[in-house]
Amino acid sequence: MSAPPGTNRARSRFAPVVQGSAALGGLYEEVTDATAAEALQKSWDLGIRAFDTAPHYGVGLSEERLGRFLQKQPRDQFVVSTKVGRLLVDDPAAPDRGDGFFGTPRRYRLLDYSADGVRRSLEASLARLGLDRVDLLLIHDPEDHMDAALQQVAPALSALRDEGVIGGYGVGTNYTEVALRFATETDIDHVLIAGRYTLLERGAEPDLLPACAERGISVLAAGVLNSGLLAAPRPGASYNYAPAPAAVVDAAQQMERACSRYGVELRAAALQFPVRSAAVAGVVIGAETAAKVADCVDQQQVPIPDALWAELETLVPDQELFASSNRIPR
């Protein structure tokens, strides 16, 4: 199943700021119910009406917390996306942490990239969210299961969209190669690409963004701070879920110094950069506290001179620095 160039797709409702919910599931450190609720309330108060989650995030904890909040809001005033590819199984013996998430329910993840798994995953997500529908379903991290994801999951999600069960479907991945295959071989309407289209790293720029623009596929850019490096580029900072190489830190610091000369915070430029592309419908922020949510929204409204954008373009490092982050582990 493929969509020819110029396919007319429904306009994305995910724009321009999406509240991501991985951190609300305890990514890297435990987050309390109260902190998560305060972050979501701040998002709502500041006008954010698009939310992204996944069963993977906190083994369902993110969906449950987001659902408790959204159940109190008018359903026609927000859009929500979740993901398929992992089914959750209750297990009292499971640890309360796993895959970098802390304070999680006693469950484990079961990978399932089958057509039946899609419907089971959606039903379970709706139960955790306490909603009667989601607006967008994304195939989550399919890089190790491409045949099944392309041949079984994509057609199943396309059928759900045709039936009106979901508003749209797509893929959520860290790899441009994966996203590009879905963009060119299926009829997806959304791509969520994490970490590969940022102020620093441009892996999605040469091929993925043009392909999506040509086919009417809306792009959601996540991980735009590159694991926090573009918030505080210091030795020891994280990049792509690991300590950042010295050359990558140096490149980010050069950008930080340029921003400083214009009185602009580096994270403001990083948060605003992706939507300068017409292909990008929105930026997914991963703030887990009310203060961080407010800061993200504030930084996205900071005026950035054209001269600074031009200077930052001269500081984009050789993309070979990031070859490993774009390479799918084999």
Protein backbone atom coordinates (compact mmCIF):
# COMPACT_ATOMS: atom_id res chain seq x y z
CA MET A 1 0.00 0.00 0.00
CA SER A 2 1.54 3.30 -1.01
CA ALA A 3 0.42 6.86 -1.40
CA PRO A 4 1.50 8.76 -4.50
CA PRO A 5 3.06 12.20 -4.28
CA GLY A 6 0.50 14.89 -3.84
CA THR A 7 -1.99 12.69 -1.99
CA ASN A 8 -4.50 14.97 -0.30
CA ARG A 9 -4.48 14.19 3.41
CA ALA A 10 -6.55 15.66 6.23
CA ARG A 11 -4.95 18.70 7.83
CA SER A 12 -3.24 17.85 11.11
CA ARG A 13 -4.90 19.05 14.30
CA PHE A 14 -1.61 18.58 16.16
CA ALA A 15 -0.15 22.08 16.10
CA PRO A 16 1.91 23.87 17.07
CA VAL A 17 2.71 22.66 20.63
CA VAL A 18 2.06 19.10 21.79
CA GLN A 19 2.42 18.05 25.42
CA GLY A 20 4.44 14.86 25.40
CA SER A 21 3.92 12.46 28.27
CA ALA A 22 6.97 10.20 28.48
CA ALA A 23 8.34 12.12 31.46
CA LEU A 24 4.92 11.95 33.12
CA GLY A 25 5.43 8.17 33.13
CA GLY A 26 8.58 8.48 35.24
CA LEU A 27 11.23 8.67 32.53
CA TYR A 28 14.67 8.85 34.21
CA GLU A 29 13.17 9.62 37.63
CA GLU A 30 9.97 9.06 39.55
CA VAL A 31 7.26 11.69 39.17
CA THR A 32 4.39 11.94 41.63
CA ASP A 33 0.73 11.96 40.64
CA ALA A 34 0.44 15.51 41.96
CA THR A 35 3.41 16.79 39.94
CA ALA A 36 2.07 15.19 36.77
CA ALA A 37 -1.39 16.65 37.35
CA GLU A 38 0.06 20.11 37.93
CA ALA A 39 2.09 19.91 34.72
CA LEU A 40 -0.96 18.91 32.70
CA GLN A 41 -3.08 21.65 34.27
CA LYS A 42 -0.41 24.22 33.44
CA SER A 43 -0.35 22.97 29.84
CA TRP A 44 -4.10 23.39 29.61
CA ASP A 45 -4.05 26.82 31.27
CA LEU A 46 -1.44 27.96 28.74
CA GLY A 47 -3.58 26.86 25.81
CA ILE A 48 -2.03 23.51 24.91
CA ARG A 49 -4.73 21.23 23.52
CA ALA A 50 -2.71 18.40 21.95
CA PHE A 51 -1.29 15.52 23.98
CA ASP A 52 0.88 12.53 23.07
CA THR A 53 1.38 9.37 25.10
CA ALA A 54 2.09 5.64 24.69
CA PRO A 55 1.67 2.34 26.56
CA HIS A 56 5.47 2.16 26.73
CA TYR A 57 5.74 5.31 28.83
CA GLY A 58 5.80 4.12 32.43
CA VAL A 59 4.20 0.79 31.45
CA GLY A 60 0.83 2.51 31.14
CA LEU A 61 1.35 5.09 33.89
CA SER A 62 1.54 7.97 31.43
CA GLU A 63 -1.73 7.00 29.76
CA GLU A 64 -3.45 6.64 33.15
CA ARG A 65 -2.29 10.02 34.39
CA LEU A 66 -3.11 11.77 31.13
CA GLY A 67 -6.50 10.08 31.05
CA ARG A 68 -7.42 11.20 34.56
CA PHE A 69 -6.76 14.76 33.48
CA LEU A 70 -8.39 14.67 30.06
CA GLN A 71 -11.56 13.01 31.35
CA LYS A 72 -12.31 16.32 33.08
CA GLN A 73 -11.99 18.36 29.89
CA PRO A 74 -14.51 18.84 27.07
CA ARG A 75 -13.73 16.09 24.54
CA ASP A 76 -14.13 18.37 21.54
CA GLN A 77 -11.46 20.77 22.84
CA PHE A 78 -8.38 18.51 22.71
CA VAL A 79 -6.66 15.94 20.54
CA VAL A 80 -4.70 12.97 21.85
CA SER A 81 -2.38 10.42 20.30
CA THR A 82 -1.11 7.15 21.65
CA LYS A 83 0.84 4.29 20.15
CA VAL A 84 0.76 0.60 19.26
CA GLY A 85 3.41 -2.10 19.21
CA ARG A 86 3.57 -2.99 22.89
CA LEU A 87 0.87 -4.77 24.86
CA LEU A 88 0.98 -4.53 28.65
CA VAL A 89 0.57 -7.49 30.98
CA ASP A 90 -0.12 -7.13 34.70
CA ASP A 91 2.45 -8.99 36.79
CA PRO A 92 2.69 -8.56 40.58
CA ALA A 93 6.28 -9.79 40.38
CA ALA A 94 7.36 -7.11 37.90
CA PRO A 95 9.72 -4.40 39.21
CA ASP A 96 8.44 -0.85 39.64
CA ARG A 97 10.89 0.37 37.04
CA GLY A 98 12.00 -0.70 33.61
CA ASP A 99 13.49 0.68 30.42
CA GLY A 100 14.42 3.89 32.19
CA PHE A 101 11.01 4.52 33.82
CA PHE A 102 10.61 4.70 37.60
CA GLY A 103 7.66 4.36 39.96
CA THR A 104 5.75 2.32 37.42
CA PRO A 105 2.86 -0.14 37.84
CA ARG A 106 3.63 -3.86 38.16
CA ARG A 107 3.45 -4.75 34.49
CA TYR A 108 5.67 -5.87 31.68
CA ARG A 109 5.67 -5.06 27.99
CA LEU A 110 4.94 -7.61 25.28
CA LEU A 111 5.98 -6.59 21.76
CA ASP A 112 3.17 -7.19 19.27
CA TYR A 113 3.22 -5.85 15.72
CA SER A 114 0.23 -7.77 14.41
CA ALA A 115 -3.16 -6.66 13.14
CA ASP A 116 -4.85 -8.29 16.14
CA GLY A 117 -2.36 -6.62 18.45
CA VAL A 118 -3.35 -3.22 17.07
CA ARG A 119 -6.96 -3.57 18.14
CA ARG A 120 -6.05 -5.11 21.49
CA SER A 121 -3.59 -2.28 22.13
CA LEU A 122 -6.14 0.38 21.23
CA GLU A 123 -8.80 -1.16 23.49
CA ALA A 124 -6.37 -1.31 26.40
CA SER A 125 -5.19 2.26 25.84
CA LEU A 126 -8.75 3.55 25.76
CA ALA A 127 -9.41 1.79 29.06
CA ARG A 128 -6.32 3.35 30.67
CA LEU A 129 -7.15 6.78 29.23
CA GLY A 130 -10.82 6.52 30.13
CA LEU A 131 -11.75 7.91 26.71
CA ASP A 132 -13.99 6.61 23.95
CA ARG A 133 -11.55 7.45 21.16
CA VAL A 134 -8.11 8.74 20.31
CA ASP A 135 -7.39 11.04 17.42
CA LEU A 136 -4.13 9.53 16.23
CA LEU A 137 -2.42 6.14 16.57
CA LEU A 138 1.30 5.84 15.92
CA ILE A 139 3.28 2.68 15.28
CA HIS A 140 5.89 2.86 18.03
CA ASP A 141 9.57 1.99 17.45
CA PRO A 142 9.02 -0.56 14.65
CA GLU A 143 12.66 -0.66 13.49
CA ASP A 144 13.20 -4.28 14.58
CA HIS A 145 9.83 -5.42 13.20
CA MET A 146 9.57 -3.63 9.87
CA ASP A 147 7.98 -6.40 7.83
CA ALA A 148 5.17 -6.92 10.34
CA ALA A 149 4.69 -3.20 10.90
CA LEU A 150 4.48 -2.42 7.19
CA GLN A 151 2.45 -5.45 6.14
CA GLN A 152 0.14 -5.94 9.13
CA VAL A 153 0.04 -2.92 11.43
CA ALA A 154 -0.14 -0.19 8.79
CA PRO A 155 -3.07 -1.80 6.89
CA ALA A 156 -4.92 -2.41 10.18
CA LEU A 157 -4.54 1.22 11.22
CA SER A 158 -5.51 2.41 7.76
CA ALA A 159 -8.70 0.38 8.07
CA LEU A 160 -9.44 1.87 11.50
CA ARG A 161 -9.03 5.31 10.01
CA ASP A 162 -11.35 4.43 7.12
CA GLU A 163 -13.91 3.13 9.62
CA GLY A 164 -13.76 6.42 11.53
CA VAL A 165 -12.48 4.72 14.68
CA ILE A 166 -9.38 6.95 14.66
CA GLY A 167 -8.75 10.25 12.95
CA GLY A 168 -5.34 9.32 11.57
CA TYR A 169 -2.32 7.08 11.93
CA GLY A 170 1.40 7.21 11.50
CA VAL A 171 4.74 6.15 12.90
CA GLY A 172 6.74 7.30 15.91
CA THR A 173 10.46 6.61 15.68
CA ASN A 174 13.98 7.88 16.35
CA TYR A 175 15.19 6.80 12.90
CA THR A 176 14.72 8.75 9.69
CA GLU A 177 15.23 5.59 7.63
CA VAL A 178 12.25 3.97 9.35
CA ALA A 179 10.05 7.05 9.01
CA LEU A 180 10.95 7.43 5.34
CA ARG A 181 9.91 3.88 4.54
CA PHE A 182 6.50 4.43 6.10
CA ALA A 183 6.15 7.78 4.34
CA THR A 184 6.84 6.24 0.94
CA GLU A 185 5.36 2.73 1.32
CA THR A 186 2.12 3.33 3.25
CA ASP A 187 -0.69 5.87 3.41
CA ILE A 188 0.18 7.33 6.82
CA ASP A 189 -0.80 10.91 7.54
CA HIS A 190 1.60 11.63 10.44
CA VAL A 191 5.24 11.08 11.34
CA LEU A 192 6.58 11.69 14.82
CA ILE A 193 10.37 11.88 14.53
CA ALA A 194 12.34 12.15 17.77
CA GLY A 195 15.74 13.82 17.92
CA ARG A 196 16.48 13.79 14.23
CA TYR A 197 15.26 17.27 13.32
CA THR A 198 16.70 19.74 15.78
CA LEU A 199 18.73 22.92 15.79
CA LEU A 200 21.82 20.72 16.07
CA GLU A 201 20.98 17.51 14.25
CA ARG A 202 19.38 17.53 10.80
CA GLY A 203 19.03 13.85 9.88
CA ALA A 204 15.42 14.31 8.77
CA GLU A 205 16.14 17.33 6.59
CA PRO A 206 17.51 15.92 3.30
CA ASP A 207 14.97 13.18 2.57
CA LEU A 208 12.24 12.74 5.18
CA LEU A 209 10.87 16.28 5.36
CA PRO A 210 10.66 16.71 1.56
CA ALA A 211 8.96 13.32 1.21
CA CYS A 212 6.41 14.21 3.87
CA ALA A 213 5.77 17.64 2.36
CA GLU A 214 5.27 16.11 -1.07
CA ARG A 215 2.78 13.56 0.24
CA GLY A 216 0.86 15.80 2.64
CA ILE A 217 2.16 13.99 5.72
CA SER A 218 2.28 16.10 8.88
CA VAL A 219 5.50 15.90 10.91
CA LEU A 220 5.64 16.17 14.68
CA ALA A 221 9.15 16.94 15.92
CA ALA A 222 9.99 15.45 19.31
CA GLY A 223 13.20 15.37 21.30
CA VAL A 224 14.03 18.86 20.05
CA LEU A 225 16.35 19.56 22.99
CA ASN A 226 18.37 16.43 22.12
CA SER A 227 17.96 14.77 25.54
CA GLY A 228 18.59 18.10 27.28
CA LEU A 229 21.84 18.99 25.53
CA LEU A 230 20.25 22.04 23.90
CA ALA A 231 18.94 23.18 27.28
CA ALA A 232 22.30 23.03 29.07
CA PRO A 233 25.24 22.10 26.82
CA ARG A 234 27.83 21.14 29.39
CA PRO A 235 30.31 18.25 29.61
CA GLY A 236 28.42 15.23 30.90
CA ALA A 237 25.12 16.36 29.36
CA SER A 238 22.94 13.70 27.83
CA TYR A 239 22.50 13.28 24.11
CA ASN A 240 20.44 10.54 22.48
CA TYR A 241 19.93 8.82 25.86
CA ALA A 242 23.70 8.64 26.55
CA PRO A 243 26.54 11.00 27.57
CA ALA A 244 27.15 13.47 24.74
CA PRO A 245 30.45 13.15 22.83
CA ALA A 246 32.79 16.11 23.37
CA ALA A 247 32.49 17.27 19.75
CA VAL A 248 28.69 17.37 20.03
CA VAL A 249 28.88 19.34 23.29
CA ASP A 250 31.29 21.79 21.64
CA ALA A 251 28.92 22.34 18.71
CA ALA A 252 26.03 23.03 21.06
CA GLN A 253 28.16 25.44 23.11
CA GLN A 254 29.05 27.41 19.98
CA MET A 255 25.33 27.79 19.29
CA GLU A 256 24.75 28.82 22.91
CA ARG A 257 27.39 31.57 22.63
CA ALA A 258 25.80 32.85 19.43
CA CYS A 259 22.38 33.00 21.08
CA SER A 260 23.85 34.79 24.09
CA ARG A 261 25.16 37.58 21.88
CA TYR A 262 21.57 38.29 20.86
CA GLY A 263 20.16 37.95 24.38
CA VAL A 264 18.35 34.71 23.50
CA GLU A 265 18.42 31.42 25.41
CA LEU A 266 19.64 28.45 23.37
CA ARG A 267 16.56 26.44 24.32
CA ALA A 268 14.34 29.17 22.82
CA ALA A 269 15.98 28.71 19.44
CA ALA A 270 15.88 24.93 19.84
CA LEU A 271 12.18 24.89 20.65
CA GLN A 272 11.30 27.24 17.79
CA PHE A 273 13.56 25.81 15.11
CA PRO A 274 11.52 22.80 13.88
CA VAL A 275 8.37 24.73 12.99
CA ARG A 276 10.37 26.94 10.64
CA SER A 277 9.91 24.03 8.24
CA ALA A 278 6.55 24.00 6.48
CA ALA A 279 6.52 20.21 6.80
CA VAL A 280 6.46 20.35 10.62
CA ALA A 281 3.00 20.67 12.15
CA GLY A 282 4.09 20.81 15.77
CA VAL A 283 6.78 20.42 18.41
CA VAL A 284 6.37 17.85 21.18
CA ILE A 285 7.60 19.14 24.53
CA GLY A 286 8.50 16.67 27.26
CA ALA A 287 8.10 18.82 30.37
CA GLU A 288 7.10 16.93 33.53
CA THR A 289 6.60 19.89 35.89
CA ALA A 290 4.41 22.98 35.72
CA ALA A 291 7.50 25.22 35.81
CA LYS A 292 9.10 23.44 32.86
CA VAL A 293 5.87 23.58 30.86
CA ALA A 294 5.64 27.33 31.47
CA ASP A 295 9.26 27.81 30.48
CA CYS A 296 8.80 25.87 27.23
CA VAL A 297 5.80 27.98 26.28
CA ASP A 298 7.60 31.20 27.23
CA GLN A 299 10.70 30.28 25.21
CA GLN A 300 8.59 29.50 22.16
CA GLN A 301 7.35 33.08 22.18
CA VAL A 302 10.75 34.79 22.41
CA PRO A 303 11.46 36.92 19.31
CA ILE A 304 14.50 35.57 17.46
CA PRO A 305 16.20 37.89 14.95
CA ASP A 306 16.75 36.66 11.42
CA ALA A 307 20.43 37.45 11.87
CA LEU A 308 20.66 34.93 14.70
CA TRP A 309 18.94 32.24 12.63
CA ALA A 310 21.43 32.91 9.86
CA GLU A 311 24.38 32.66 12.23
CA LEU A 312 23.09 29.45 13.77
CA GLU A 313 22.92 27.89 10.31
CA THR A 314 26.65 28.52 9.90
CA LEU A 315 27.26 26.62 13.15
CA VAL A 316 25.41 23.43 12.24
CA PRO A 317 28.09 20.74 12.61
CA ASP A 318 29.06 18.09 10.09
CA GLN A 319 26.21 15.61 10.29
CA GLU A 320 28.66 12.72 10.33
CA LEU A 321 28.89 13.49 14.04
CA PHE A 322 25.41 12.03 14.34
CA ALA A 323 25.74 9.04 12.04
CA SER A 324 25.50 6.57 14.90
CA SER A 325 22.26 8.03 16.23
CA ASN A 326 20.67 7.62 12.81
CA ARG A 327 21.94 4.11 12.29
CA ILE A 328 19.48 1.37 13.18
CA PRO A 329 21.13 -1.23 15.45
CA ARG A 330 21.44 -4.51 13.57
